[in-house]
Amino acid sequence: MNRKFSCQMPYNELIKNPIEDVLKFYQTTVKINEFLDTKKNESNNIINEYWELPDGYLKSYKFNEFPENFKLILENFKLFLCEKDDIYFCPIFIFKDITNIENGIYSLDFMSNTAYKFKEIDSTLEETMYLKCTYNMGIVYFLKLEYSIGKELQQGFIDGLLQIGGIYDRVQNCLDKSSFTSESITVPQQQFTKMVGVSCREQLLIANQMIKEK
């Protein structure tokens, strides 16, 4: 997997207080008291701290297997990552109704240009109601909380938000020049994060772009 997504510094006592400080700051705009209940979030972390896939992923596709207009989005995403010395966020992709690509939840390896499907979209869950809007590609941006703060304390948190804002704008500019439209949908933080297979104690859901062809 892309080692830019590696969390090389383990969570330890040295960064507990800065993390709690940043969480208090984040709480001024988002209700995150549920993040602090580790009993709720000690499981269901499908992707580990290195953002590698678990054994037995469901399906994989090379980027060149995507239709040309979707491939352009992925290439722009990769260009943004290559410009950074370190990456403090992780994107999860949700693909639906794309020609020759199975519906599902994906992690992308930008080193090997491969999309890995690691989870089905479970339509029986209440939180998937937010995915029933018409779209083809959903990009969900997570801030890697422990890694960003472990590297640069509060500044790492801010830098992570700036990175997400930067890639969000890069993708949007790409969409504006193509046959796509996009919107950001409001989702319940904890439930939606769990639904896509991520621990909301370790990664904070910051933004999403739900993209569809015109």
N, C-alpha and C. Protein backbone atom coordinates (compact mmCIF):
# COMPACT_ATOMS: atom_id res chain seq x y z
N MET A 1 0.83 -1.20 0.00
CA MET A 1 0.00 0.00 0.00
C MET A 1 0.87 1.25 0.00
N ASN A 2 0.28 2.37 -0.31
CA ASN A 2 1.00 3.63 -0.34
C ASN A 2 1.50 3.97 1.06
N ARG A 3 2.83 4.02 1.21
CA ARG A 3 3.40 4.23 2.54
C ARG A 3 3.15 5.64 3.05
N LYS A 4 2.66 6.53 2.17
CA LYS A 4 2.28 7.85 2.67
C LYS A 4 1.11 7.76 3.62
N PHE A 5 0.39 6.65 3.59
CA PHE A 5 -0.73 6.47 4.50
C PHE A 5 -0.30 5.72 5.75
N SER A 6 1.00 5.49 5.94
CA SER A 6 1.48 4.74 7.09
C SER A 6 1.45 5.58 8.35
N CYS A 7 0.99 4.98 9.43
CA CYS A 7 1.03 5.64 10.74
C CYS A 7 2.21 5.04 11.49
N GLN A 8 3.39 5.67 11.39
CA GLN A 8 4.60 5.08 11.91
C GLN A 8 4.78 5.33 13.40
N MET A 9 4.10 6.31 13.97
CA MET A 9 4.24 6.60 15.39
C MET A 9 3.08 5.98 16.15
N PRO A 10 3.33 5.05 17.07
CA PRO A 10 2.24 4.42 17.82
C PRO A 10 1.60 5.41 18.79
N TYR A 11 0.35 5.13 19.09
CA TYR A 11 -0.36 5.94 20.08
C TYR A 11 0.23 5.66 21.45
N ASN A 12 0.59 6.67 22.21
CA ASN A 12 1.19 6.46 23.53
C ASN A 12 0.85 7.61 24.45
N GLU A 13 1.37 7.52 25.68
CA GLU A 13 1.04 8.51 26.70
C GLU A 13 1.47 9.91 26.31
N LEU A 14 2.52 10.04 25.47
CA LEU A 14 3.05 11.35 25.15
C LEU A 14 2.09 12.21 24.35
N ILE A 15 1.15 11.58 23.61
CA ILE A 15 0.26 12.39 22.78
C ILE A 15 -1.19 12.34 23.24
N LYS A 16 -1.44 11.71 24.39
CA LYS A 16 -2.82 11.64 24.87
C LYS A 16 -3.39 13.03 25.14
N ASN A 17 -2.64 13.86 25.87
CA ASN A 17 -3.16 15.18 26.21
C ASN A 17 -3.37 16.07 24.98
N PRO A 18 -2.42 16.13 24.04
CA PRO A 18 -2.68 16.91 22.83
C PRO A 18 -3.89 16.42 22.06
N ILE A 19 -4.10 15.11 22.01
CA ILE A 19 -5.27 14.59 21.31
C ILE A 19 -6.55 15.06 21.99
N GLU A 20 -6.58 14.99 23.32
CA GLU A 20 -7.77 15.44 24.04
C GLU A 20 -8.00 16.93 23.81
N ASP A 21 -6.91 17.72 23.77
CA ASP A 21 -7.04 19.15 23.52
C ASP A 21 -7.64 19.41 22.15
N VAL A 22 -7.16 18.68 21.14
CA VAL A 22 -7.68 18.88 19.79
C VAL A 22 -9.13 18.43 19.69
N LEU A 23 -9.47 17.35 20.36
CA LEU A 23 -10.85 16.89 20.36
C LEU A 23 -11.78 17.95 20.95
N LYS A 24 -11.32 18.63 22.00
CA LYS A 24 -12.12 19.70 22.59
C LYS A 24 -12.33 20.83 21.57
N PHE A 25 -11.27 21.15 20.83
CA PHE A 25 -11.37 22.17 19.79
C PHE A 25 -12.36 21.73 18.70
N TYR A 26 -12.22 20.47 18.28
CA TYR A 26 -13.10 19.94 17.23
C TYR A 26 -14.55 19.92 17.69
N GLN A 27 -14.77 19.74 18.97
CA GLN A 27 -16.11 19.64 19.51
C GLN A 27 -16.88 20.95 19.42
N THR A 28 -16.17 22.04 19.16
CA THR A 28 -16.86 23.33 19.03
C THR A 28 -17.75 23.37 17.80
N THR A 29 -17.48 22.49 16.82
CA THR A 29 -18.29 22.46 15.61
C THR A 29 -18.97 21.13 15.36
N VAL A 30 -18.51 20.05 16.00
CA VAL A 30 -19.07 18.72 15.77
C VAL A 30 -19.29 18.03 17.11
N LYS A 31 -20.41 17.36 17.26
CA LYS A 31 -20.68 16.59 18.47
C LYS A 31 -19.88 15.30 18.41
N ILE A 32 -18.84 15.19 19.26
CA ILE A 32 -17.98 14.02 19.17
C ILE A 32 -17.85 13.30 20.50
N ASN A 33 -18.77 13.52 21.42
CA ASN A 33 -18.65 12.82 22.70
C ASN A 33 -18.66 11.31 22.52
N GLU A 34 -19.31 10.84 21.44
CA GLU A 34 -19.33 9.40 21.22
C GLU A 34 -17.96 8.87 20.82
N PHE A 35 -17.08 9.73 20.27
CA PHE A 35 -15.74 9.28 19.89
C PHE A 35 -14.92 8.89 21.12
N LEU A 36 -15.22 9.53 22.24
CA LEU A 36 -14.42 9.32 23.44
C LEU A 36 -14.81 8.06 24.19
N ASP A 37 -15.90 7.42 23.78
CA ASP A 37 -16.31 6.17 24.40
C ASP A 37 -15.64 5.03 23.66
N THR A 38 -14.48 4.62 24.14
CA THR A 38 -13.70 3.62 23.42
C THR A 38 -14.38 2.26 23.41
N LYS A 39 -15.26 2.01 24.35
CA LYS A 39 -15.96 0.72 24.36
C LYS A 39 -16.83 0.58 23.12
N LYS A 40 -17.36 1.69 22.63
CA LYS A 40 -18.19 1.64 21.43
C LYS A 40 -17.36 1.40 20.18
N ASN A 41 -16.09 1.78 20.23
CA ASN A 41 -15.30 1.84 19.01
C ASN A 41 -14.09 0.91 19.02
N GLU A 42 -14.02 0.00 19.98
CA GLU A 42 -12.84 -0.84 20.07
C GLU A 42 -12.81 -1.91 18.98
N SER A 43 -13.93 -2.12 18.29
CA SER A 43 -13.97 -3.09 17.20
C SER A 43 -14.38 -2.40 15.91
N ASN A 44 -14.51 -3.20 14.86
CA ASN A 44 -15.00 -2.72 13.56
C ASN A 44 -13.99 -1.86 12.81
N ASN A 45 -12.73 -1.85 13.25
CA ASN A 45 -11.72 -1.11 12.50
C ASN A 45 -11.18 -2.03 11.42
N ILE A 46 -11.87 -2.07 10.28
CA ILE A 46 -11.56 -3.03 9.23
C ILE A 46 -10.18 -2.79 8.64
N ILE A 47 -9.79 -1.54 8.48
CA ILE A 47 -8.47 -1.22 7.96
C ILE A 47 -7.57 -0.88 9.14
N ASN A 48 -6.38 -1.47 9.18
CA ASN A 48 -5.54 -1.27 10.36
C ASN A 48 -4.81 0.07 10.30
N GLU A 49 -3.91 0.30 11.27
CA GLU A 49 -3.30 1.62 11.40
C GLU A 49 -2.43 2.00 10.21
N TYR A 50 -2.02 1.03 9.43
CA TYR A 50 -1.20 1.32 8.26
C TYR A 50 -2.05 1.50 7.01
N TRP A 51 -3.32 1.41 7.13
CA TRP A 51 -4.25 1.54 6.01
C TRP A 51 -3.98 0.48 4.95
N GLU A 52 -3.56 -0.69 5.42
CA GLU A 52 -3.45 -1.83 4.52
C GLU A 52 -4.75 -2.61 4.59
N LEU A 53 -5.04 -3.33 3.54
CA LEU A 53 -6.29 -4.08 3.50
C LEU A 53 -6.18 -5.36 4.31
N PRO A 54 -7.29 -5.80 4.88
CA PRO A 54 -7.28 -7.10 5.55
C PRO A 54 -7.13 -8.21 4.52
N ASP A 55 -6.76 -9.38 5.00
CA ASP A 55 -6.66 -10.53 4.09
C ASP A 55 -8.03 -10.80 3.48
N GLY A 56 -8.03 -11.17 2.22
CA GLY A 56 -9.27 -11.55 1.57
C GLY A 56 -10.14 -10.39 1.15
N TYR A 57 -9.55 -9.34 0.58
CA TYR A 57 -10.37 -8.27 0.04
C TYR A 57 -11.27 -8.85 -1.05
N LEU A 58 -12.36 -8.18 -1.34
CA LEU A 58 -13.40 -8.76 -2.19
C LEU A 58 -13.11 -8.66 -3.68
N LYS A 59 -12.49 -7.55 -4.08
CA LYS A 59 -12.27 -7.33 -5.51
C LYS A 59 -11.24 -6.23 -5.67
N SER A 60 -10.52 -6.26 -6.78
CA SER A 60 -9.58 -5.17 -7.05
C SER A 60 -9.65 -4.79 -8.52
N TYR A 61 -9.39 -3.52 -8.79
CA TYR A 61 -9.40 -2.99 -10.15
C TYR A 61 -8.22 -2.04 -10.32
N LYS A 62 -7.53 -2.14 -11.44
CA LYS A 62 -6.54 -1.14 -11.80
C LYS A 62 -7.26 0.12 -12.26
N PHE A 63 -6.62 1.27 -12.04
CA PHE A 63 -7.26 2.52 -12.41
C PHE A 63 -7.62 2.56 -13.89
N ASN A 64 -6.80 1.91 -14.74
CA ASN A 64 -7.10 1.98 -16.17
C ASN A 64 -8.31 1.16 -16.58
N GLU A 65 -8.91 0.43 -15.61
CA GLU A 65 -10.15 -0.30 -15.87
C GLU A 65 -11.38 0.58 -15.69
N PHE A 66 -11.20 1.76 -15.09
CA PHE A 66 -12.31 2.68 -14.87
C PHE A 66 -12.61 3.42 -16.17
N PRO A 67 -13.85 3.82 -16.36
CA PRO A 67 -14.16 4.69 -17.50
C PRO A 67 -13.29 5.94 -17.46
N GLU A 68 -13.01 6.51 -18.63
CA GLU A 68 -12.02 7.58 -18.75
C GLU A 68 -12.32 8.77 -17.83
N ASN A 69 -13.59 9.17 -17.70
CA ASN A 69 -13.90 10.35 -16.90
C ASN A 69 -13.66 10.11 -15.41
N PHE A 70 -13.89 8.88 -14.93
CA PHE A 70 -13.61 8.57 -13.53
C PHE A 70 -12.10 8.43 -13.31
N LYS A 71 -11.42 7.89 -14.28
CA LYS A 71 -9.96 7.74 -14.18
C LYS A 71 -9.30 9.10 -14.04
N LEU A 72 -9.85 10.13 -14.68
CA LEU A 72 -9.29 11.47 -14.58
C LEU A 72 -9.35 11.99 -13.15
N ILE A 73 -10.44 11.69 -12.44
CA ILE A 73 -10.56 12.10 -11.04
C ILE A 73 -9.48 11.42 -10.20
N LEU A 74 -9.29 10.11 -10.40
CA LEU A 74 -8.30 9.37 -9.64
C LEU A 74 -6.88 9.88 -9.92
N GLU A 75 -6.60 10.22 -11.16
CA GLU A 75 -5.28 10.73 -11.51
C GLU A 75 -5.02 12.08 -10.86
N ASN A 76 -6.03 12.95 -10.80
CA ASN A 76 -5.88 14.23 -10.12
C ASN A 76 -5.66 14.05 -8.63
N PHE A 77 -6.34 13.07 -8.06
CA PHE A 77 -6.16 12.75 -6.65
C PHE A 77 -4.71 12.34 -6.39
N LYS A 78 -4.19 11.47 -7.24
CA LYS A 78 -2.82 11.00 -7.07
C LYS A 78 -1.82 12.14 -7.20
N LEU A 79 -2.02 13.05 -8.14
CA LEU A 79 -1.13 14.18 -8.32
C LEU A 79 -1.04 15.02 -7.05
N PHE A 80 -2.18 15.22 -6.40
CA PHE A 80 -2.19 16.00 -5.16
C PHE A 80 -1.35 15.30 -4.09
N LEU A 81 -1.50 13.99 -3.95
CA LEU A 81 -0.76 13.24 -2.93
C LEU A 81 0.74 13.29 -3.19
N CYS A 82 1.11 13.24 -4.46
CA CYS A 82 2.53 13.24 -4.81
C CYS A 82 3.20 14.57 -4.48
N GLU A 83 2.42 15.62 -4.33
CA GLU A 83 2.96 16.94 -4.03
C GLU A 83 3.27 17.12 -2.54
N LYS A 84 2.83 16.18 -1.70
CA LYS A 84 2.96 16.32 -0.25
C LYS A 84 4.08 15.43 0.29
N ASP A 85 4.80 15.95 1.28
CA ASP A 85 5.82 15.15 1.94
C ASP A 85 5.20 14.13 2.88
N ASP A 86 4.07 14.47 3.45
CA ASP A 86 3.36 13.57 4.35
C ASP A 86 1.87 13.81 4.20
N ILE A 87 1.09 12.78 4.46
CA ILE A 87 -0.36 12.87 4.28
C ILE A 87 -1.04 12.59 5.62
N TYR A 88 -1.88 13.53 6.06
CA TYR A 88 -2.53 13.42 7.36
C TYR A 88 -4.00 13.01 7.25
N PHE A 89 -4.42 12.62 6.08
CA PHE A 89 -5.80 12.19 5.93
C PHE A 89 -5.83 10.90 5.13
N CYS A 90 -6.98 10.23 5.19
CA CYS A 90 -7.17 9.02 4.39
C CYS A 90 -8.53 9.09 3.72
N PRO A 91 -8.60 8.88 2.41
CA PRO A 91 -9.88 8.86 1.72
C PRO A 91 -10.44 7.45 1.59
N ILE A 92 -11.73 7.32 1.78
CA ILE A 92 -12.43 6.08 1.48
C ILE A 92 -13.37 6.37 0.31
N PHE A 93 -13.40 5.49 -0.66
CA PHE A 93 -14.20 5.69 -1.87
C PHE A 93 -15.40 4.73 -1.87
N ILE A 94 -16.53 5.24 -2.30
CA ILE A 94 -17.74 4.43 -2.46
C ILE A 94 -18.14 4.50 -3.92
N PHE A 95 -18.13 3.37 -4.60
CA PHE A 95 -18.46 3.33 -6.02
C PHE A 95 -19.83 2.69 -6.22
N LYS A 96 -20.61 3.28 -7.10
CA LYS A 96 -21.95 2.76 -7.36
C LYS A 96 -22.34 3.04 -8.80
N ASP A 97 -22.74 1.99 -9.49
CA ASP A 97 -23.25 2.11 -10.87
C ASP A 97 -22.21 2.71 -11.81
N ILE A 98 -20.96 2.25 -11.69
CA ILE A 98 -19.91 2.62 -12.63
C ILE A 98 -19.68 1.41 -13.55
N THR A 99 -19.63 1.64 -14.83
CA THR A 99 -19.50 0.56 -15.80
C THR A 99 -18.29 -0.33 -15.49
N ASN A 100 -18.54 -1.63 -15.37
CA ASN A 100 -17.50 -2.66 -15.15
C ASN A 100 -16.87 -2.63 -13.77
N ILE A 101 -17.39 -1.81 -12.84
CA ILE A 101 -16.86 -1.74 -11.48
C ILE A 101 -17.96 -2.13 -10.50
N GLU A 102 -17.68 -3.10 -9.62
CA GLU A 102 -18.68 -3.54 -8.66
C GLU A 102 -18.99 -2.44 -7.65
N ASN A 103 -20.27 -2.34 -7.27
CA ASN A 103 -20.66 -1.44 -6.19
C ASN A 103 -19.97 -1.86 -4.91
N GLY A 104 -19.57 -0.90 -4.10
CA GLY A 104 -18.96 -1.25 -2.82
C GLY A 104 -18.13 -0.12 -2.25
N ILE A 105 -17.46 -0.43 -1.12
CA ILE A 105 -16.63 0.52 -0.41
C ILE A 105 -15.18 0.13 -0.64
N TYR A 106 -14.36 1.11 -1.03
CA TYR A 106 -13.02 0.83 -1.53
C TYR A 106 -11.95 1.65 -0.81
N SER A 107 -10.77 1.06 -0.73
CA SER A 107 -9.56 1.77 -0.36
C SER A 107 -8.66 1.78 -1.59
N LEU A 108 -8.01 2.92 -1.89
CA LEU A 108 -7.20 3.04 -3.09
C LEU A 108 -5.72 3.08 -2.76
N ASP A 109 -4.94 2.29 -3.46
CA ASP A 109 -3.50 2.29 -3.34
C ASP A 109 -2.95 3.08 -4.52
N PHE A 110 -2.47 4.29 -4.25
CA PHE A 110 -2.02 5.17 -5.32
C PHE A 110 -0.60 4.86 -5.76
N MET A 111 0.08 3.93 -5.09
CA MET A 111 1.39 3.48 -5.55
C MET A 111 1.24 2.49 -6.69
N SER A 112 0.29 1.56 -6.53
CA SER A 112 0.08 0.54 -7.56
C SER A 112 -1.09 0.87 -8.47
N ASN A 113 -1.73 2.03 -8.25
CA ASN A 113 -2.89 2.44 -9.06
C ASN A 113 -3.98 1.38 -9.05
N THR A 114 -4.34 0.96 -7.84
CA THR A 114 -5.31 -0.11 -7.68
C THR A 114 -6.39 0.28 -6.68
N ALA A 115 -7.63 -0.02 -7.01
CA ALA A 115 -8.76 0.17 -6.10
C ALA A 115 -9.14 -1.19 -5.53
N TYR A 116 -9.19 -1.27 -4.19
CA TYR A 116 -9.52 -2.52 -3.51
C TYR A 116 -10.88 -2.42 -2.84
N LYS A 117 -11.79 -3.26 -3.23
CA LYS A 117 -13.09 -3.32 -2.58
C LYS A 117 -12.94 -4.16 -1.30
N PHE A 118 -13.23 -3.55 -0.15
CA PHE A 118 -13.09 -4.29 1.10
C PHE A 118 -14.41 -4.47 1.84
N LYS A 119 -15.49 -3.86 1.33
CA LYS A 119 -16.76 -4.00 2.03
C LYS A 119 -17.91 -3.75 1.06
N GLU A 120 -18.98 -4.53 1.24
CA GLU A 120 -20.20 -4.31 0.48
C GLU A 120 -20.98 -3.14 1.09
N ILE A 121 -21.83 -2.53 0.29
CA ILE A 121 -22.78 -1.54 0.81
C ILE A 121 -23.98 -2.31 1.34
N ASP A 122 -24.14 -2.32 2.64
CA ASP A 122 -25.23 -3.09 3.27
C ASP A 122 -26.51 -2.24 3.27
N SER A 123 -27.39 -2.53 2.35
CA SER A 123 -28.60 -1.72 2.20
C SER A 123 -29.60 -1.94 3.32
N THR A 124 -29.34 -2.91 4.21
CA THR A 124 -30.26 -3.16 5.33
C THR A 124 -29.99 -2.23 6.51
N LEU A 125 -28.85 -1.55 6.53
CA LEU A 125 -28.51 -0.68 7.63
C LEU A 125 -29.19 0.68 7.48
N GLU A 126 -29.63 1.22 8.60
CA GLU A 126 -30.33 2.50 8.56
C GLU A 126 -29.43 3.61 8.01
N GLU A 127 -28.13 3.56 8.36
CA GLU A 127 -27.25 4.63 7.93
C GLU A 127 -26.98 4.63 6.43
N THR A 128 -27.29 3.53 5.73
CA THR A 128 -27.09 3.53 4.29
C THR A 128 -28.16 4.34 3.56
N MET A 129 -29.15 4.80 4.27
CA MET A 129 -30.15 5.66 3.64
C MET A 129 -29.48 6.91 3.04
N TYR A 130 -28.33 7.28 3.62
CA TYR A 130 -27.62 8.45 3.12
C TYR A 130 -26.91 8.16 1.80
N LEU A 131 -26.84 6.88 1.44
CA LEU A 131 -26.20 6.51 0.19
C LEU A 131 -27.21 6.23 -0.92
N LYS A 132 -28.48 6.44 -0.64
CA LYS A 132 -29.51 6.14 -1.64
C LYS A 132 -29.74 7.28 -2.60
N CYS A 133 -29.03 8.39 -2.40
CA CYS A 133 -29.12 9.48 -3.38
C CYS A 133 -28.43 9.02 -4.66
N THR A 134 -28.75 9.67 -5.73
CA THR A 134 -28.17 9.29 -7.03
C THR A 134 -26.74 9.81 -7.12
N TYR A 135 -25.78 8.91 -7.15
CA TYR A 135 -24.38 9.28 -7.29
C TYR A 135 -23.63 8.07 -7.84
N ASN A 136 -22.42 8.30 -8.32
CA ASN A 136 -21.60 7.22 -8.83
C ASN A 136 -20.32 7.01 -8.04
N MET A 137 -19.78 8.08 -7.50
CA MET A 137 -18.55 7.99 -6.71
C MET A 137 -18.69 8.87 -5.47
N GLY A 138 -18.50 8.27 -4.31
CA GLY A 138 -18.47 9.03 -3.08
C GLY A 138 -17.05 9.02 -2.52
N ILE A 139 -16.53 10.18 -2.19
CA ILE A 139 -15.22 10.28 -1.55
C ILE A 139 -15.44 10.79 -0.13
N VAL A 140 -15.02 10.00 0.85
CA VAL A 140 -15.19 10.37 2.26
C VAL A 140 -13.80 10.64 2.84
N TYR A 141 -13.62 11.84 3.36
CA TYR A 141 -12.30 12.27 3.82
C TYR A 141 -12.20 12.13 5.34
N PHE A 142 -11.22 11.35 5.79
CA PHE A 142 -10.98 11.14 7.21
C PHE A 142 -9.64 11.74 7.61
N LEU A 143 -9.63 12.49 8.71
CA LEU A 143 -8.38 12.98 9.28
C LEU A 143 -7.79 11.88 10.16
N LYS A 144 -6.50 11.56 9.93
CA LYS A 144 -5.82 10.55 10.74
C LYS A 144 -5.40 11.21 12.05
N LEU A 145 -6.25 11.11 13.04
CA LEU A 145 -6.11 11.89 14.27
C LEU A 145 -4.79 11.62 14.99
N GLU A 146 -4.52 10.37 15.33
CA GLU A 146 -3.34 10.05 16.12
C GLU A 146 -2.05 10.34 15.36
N TYR A 147 -2.05 10.05 14.08
CA TYR A 147 -0.85 10.25 13.28
C TYR A 147 -0.54 11.73 13.12
N SER A 148 -1.54 12.53 12.78
CA SER A 148 -1.30 13.96 12.56
C SER A 148 -0.86 14.65 13.83
N ILE A 149 -1.50 14.34 14.95
CA ILE A 149 -1.15 14.98 16.21
C ILE A 149 0.16 14.42 16.74
N GLY A 150 0.39 13.13 16.53
CA GLY A 150 1.65 12.53 16.95
C GLY A 150 2.85 13.13 16.25
N LYS A 151 2.64 13.60 15.01
CA LYS A 151 3.73 14.21 14.25
C LYS A 151 3.95 15.67 14.61
N GLU A 152 2.85 16.43 14.72
CA GLU A 152 2.99 17.88 14.87
C GLU A 152 2.03 18.49 15.88
N LEU A 153 1.49 17.67 16.78
CA LEU A 153 0.56 18.16 17.79
C LEU A 153 -0.60 18.91 17.12
N GLN A 154 -1.05 20.03 17.72
CA GLN A 154 -2.21 20.72 17.17
C GLN A 154 -1.99 21.19 15.74
N GLN A 155 -0.75 21.53 15.41
CA GLN A 155 -0.46 21.98 14.04
C GLN A 155 -0.72 20.86 13.04
N GLY A 156 -0.48 19.63 13.44
CA GLY A 156 -0.76 18.50 12.56
C GLY A 156 -2.24 18.37 12.27
N PHE A 157 -3.06 18.64 13.28
CA PHE A 157 -4.52 18.62 13.09
C PHE A 157 -4.93 19.68 12.07
N ILE A 158 -4.39 20.89 12.23
CA ILE A 158 -4.72 21.98 11.30
C ILE A 158 -4.22 21.65 9.89
N ASP A 159 -3.01 21.14 9.79
CA ASP A 159 -2.46 20.80 8.49
C ASP A 159 -3.29 19.72 7.80
N GLY A 160 -3.80 18.78 8.59
CA GLY A 160 -4.65 17.74 8.01
C GLY A 160 -5.93 18.32 7.44
N LEU A 161 -6.53 19.26 8.16
CA LEU A 161 -7.73 19.92 7.64
C LEU A 161 -7.43 20.70 6.36
N LEU A 162 -6.28 21.36 6.33
CA LEU A 162 -5.90 22.11 5.13
C LEU A 162 -5.67 21.18 3.95
N GLN A 163 -5.08 20.01 4.21
CA GLN A 163 -4.89 19.04 3.13
C GLN A 163 -6.22 18.57 2.57
N ILE A 164 -7.16 18.30 3.46
CA ILE A 164 -8.48 17.85 3.00
C ILE A 164 -9.16 18.95 2.19
N GLY A 165 -9.05 20.19 2.66
CA GLY A 165 -9.61 21.30 1.89
C GLY A 165 -8.96 21.44 0.53
N GLY A 166 -7.65 21.20 0.48
CA GLY A 166 -6.93 21.31 -0.77
C GLY A 166 -7.33 20.25 -1.78
N ILE A 167 -7.42 19.00 -1.34
CA ILE A 167 -7.79 17.93 -2.27
C ILE A 167 -9.26 18.04 -2.65
N TYR A 168 -10.08 18.49 -1.73
CA TYR A 168 -11.51 18.71 -2.03
C TYR A 168 -11.64 19.71 -3.18
N ASP A 169 -10.89 20.82 -3.09
CA ASP A 169 -10.95 21.84 -4.15
C ASP A 169 -10.37 21.30 -5.46
N ARG A 170 -9.29 20.50 -5.35
CA ARG A 170 -8.68 19.93 -6.56
C ARG A 170 -9.68 19.04 -7.30
N VAL A 171 -10.37 18.19 -6.53
CA VAL A 171 -11.37 17.32 -7.14
C VAL A 171 -12.51 18.14 -7.73
N GLN A 172 -12.96 19.17 -6.99
CA GLN A 172 -14.07 19.99 -7.46
C GLN A 172 -13.71 20.70 -8.76
N ASN A 173 -12.49 21.21 -8.86
CA ASN A 173 -12.06 21.86 -10.09
C ASN A 173 -12.06 20.89 -11.26
N CYS A 174 -11.67 19.65 -10.98
CA CYS A 174 -11.70 18.62 -12.01
C CYS A 174 -13.13 18.35 -12.45
N LEU A 175 -14.05 18.31 -11.49
CA LEU A 175 -15.46 18.05 -11.80
C LEU A 175 -16.06 19.17 -12.62
N ASP A 176 -15.69 20.41 -12.29
CA ASP A 176 -16.25 21.57 -12.99
C ASP A 176 -15.88 21.58 -14.47
N LYS A 177 -14.79 20.90 -14.81
CA LYS A 177 -14.34 20.86 -16.20
C LYS A 177 -14.79 19.60 -16.92
N SER A 178 -15.65 18.81 -16.26
CA SER A 178 -16.06 17.53 -16.84
C SER A 178 -17.58 17.40 -16.82
N SER A 179 -18.05 16.18 -16.98
CA SER A 179 -19.49 15.93 -17.06
C SER A 179 -20.06 15.49 -15.72
N PHE A 180 -19.51 16.00 -14.62
CA PHE A 180 -19.94 15.60 -13.28
C PHE A 180 -20.55 16.76 -12.51
N THR A 181 -21.38 16.42 -11.55
CA THR A 181 -21.81 17.35 -10.51
C THR A 181 -21.52 16.68 -9.18
N SER A 182 -21.48 17.46 -8.12
CA SER A 182 -21.21 16.88 -6.80
C SER A 182 -21.96 17.64 -5.71
N GLU A 183 -22.13 16.98 -4.60
CA GLU A 183 -22.71 17.61 -3.42
C GLU A 183 -22.12 16.97 -2.18
N SER A 184 -22.17 17.71 -1.08
CA SER A 184 -21.76 17.19 0.21
C SER A 184 -23.01 16.89 1.01
N ILE A 185 -23.11 15.68 1.56
CA ILE A 185 -24.31 15.31 2.30
C ILE A 185 -24.00 15.27 3.80
N THR A 186 -25.00 15.56 4.60
CA THR A 186 -24.86 15.52 6.05
C THR A 186 -25.13 14.10 6.54
N VAL A 187 -24.18 13.54 7.28
CA VAL A 187 -24.32 12.16 7.76
C VAL A 187 -24.04 12.12 9.25
N PRO A 188 -24.58 11.12 9.96
CA PRO A 188 -24.24 10.95 11.38
C PRO A 188 -22.81 10.45 11.50
N GLN A 189 -21.98 11.17 12.23
CA GLN A 189 -20.55 10.88 12.27
C GLN A 189 -20.23 9.43 12.64
N GLN A 190 -20.68 9.02 13.83
CA GLN A 190 -20.25 7.71 14.32
C GLN A 190 -20.82 6.58 13.49
N GLN A 191 -22.12 6.62 13.19
CA GLN A 191 -22.76 5.53 12.46
C GLN A 191 -22.20 5.41 11.05
N PHE A 192 -22.03 6.53 10.38
CA PHE A 192 -21.55 6.50 9.00
C PHE A 192 -20.11 6.01 8.95
N THR A 193 -19.28 6.46 9.89
CA THR A 193 -17.89 6.02 9.96
C THR A 193 -17.80 4.52 10.17
N LYS A 194 -18.62 4.01 11.07
CA LYS A 194 -18.64 2.57 11.32
C LYS A 194 -19.12 1.82 10.09
N MET A 195 -20.08 2.37 9.38
CA MET A 195 -20.64 1.71 8.21
C MET A 195 -19.60 1.50 7.13
N VAL A 196 -18.68 2.47 6.96
CA VAL A 196 -17.65 2.32 5.92
C VAL A 196 -16.43 1.57 6.43
N GLY A 197 -16.47 1.10 7.69
CA GLY A 197 -15.42 0.22 8.18
C GLY A 197 -14.22 0.90 8.78
N VAL A 198 -14.42 2.06 9.41
CA VAL A 198 -13.31 2.81 9.99
C VAL A 198 -13.61 3.09 11.47
N SER A 199 -12.57 3.14 12.29
CA SER A 199 -12.73 3.47 13.70
C SER A 199 -12.82 4.97 13.87
N CYS A 200 -13.92 5.48 14.41
CA CYS A 200 -14.08 6.92 14.57
C CYS A 200 -13.32 7.45 15.77
N ARG A 201 -12.67 6.58 16.53
CA ARG A 201 -11.76 7.04 17.58
C ARG A 201 -10.42 7.46 16.97
N GLU A 202 -10.05 6.82 15.89
CA GLU A 202 -8.74 7.05 15.29
C GLU A 202 -8.79 7.97 14.07
N GLN A 203 -9.93 7.99 13.39
CA GLN A 203 -10.07 8.83 12.20
C GLN A 203 -11.36 9.65 12.31
N LEU A 204 -11.24 10.94 12.08
CA LEU A 204 -12.40 11.82 12.15
C LEU A 204 -12.93 12.08 10.76
N LEU A 205 -14.22 11.89 10.58
CA LEU A 205 -14.86 12.18 9.29
C LEU A 205 -15.00 13.70 9.16
N ILE A 206 -14.33 14.25 8.16
CA ILE A 206 -14.30 15.70 8.00
C ILE A 206 -15.22 16.18 6.89
N ALA A 207 -15.22 15.48 5.75
CA ALA A 207 -15.99 15.96 4.60
C ALA A 207 -16.29 14.80 3.66
N ASN A 208 -17.22 15.03 2.74
CA ASN A 208 -17.51 14.04 1.70
C ASN A 208 -17.92 14.76 0.42
N GLN A 209 -17.67 14.10 -0.69
CA GLN A 209 -18.10 14.56 -2.00
C GLN A 209 -18.84 13.41 -2.67
N MET A 210 -20.10 13.62 -2.95
CA MET A 210 -20.91 12.60 -3.64
C MET A 210 -21.04 13.06 -5.10
N ILE A 211 -20.41 12.31 -5.98
CA ILE A 211 -20.21 12.72 -7.37
C ILE A 211 -21.09 11.90 -8.30
N LYS A 212 -21.71 12.55 -9.25
CA LYS A 212 -22.54 11.84 -10.22
C LYS A 212 -22.34 12.46 -11.61
N GLU A 213 -22.58 11.64 -12.61
CA GLU A 213 -22.52 12.12 -13.99
C GLU A 213 -23.77 12.92 -14.29
N LYS A 214 -23.63 13.97 -15.08
CA LYS A 214 -24.76 14.81 -15.43
C LYS A 214 -25.71 14.07 -16.36
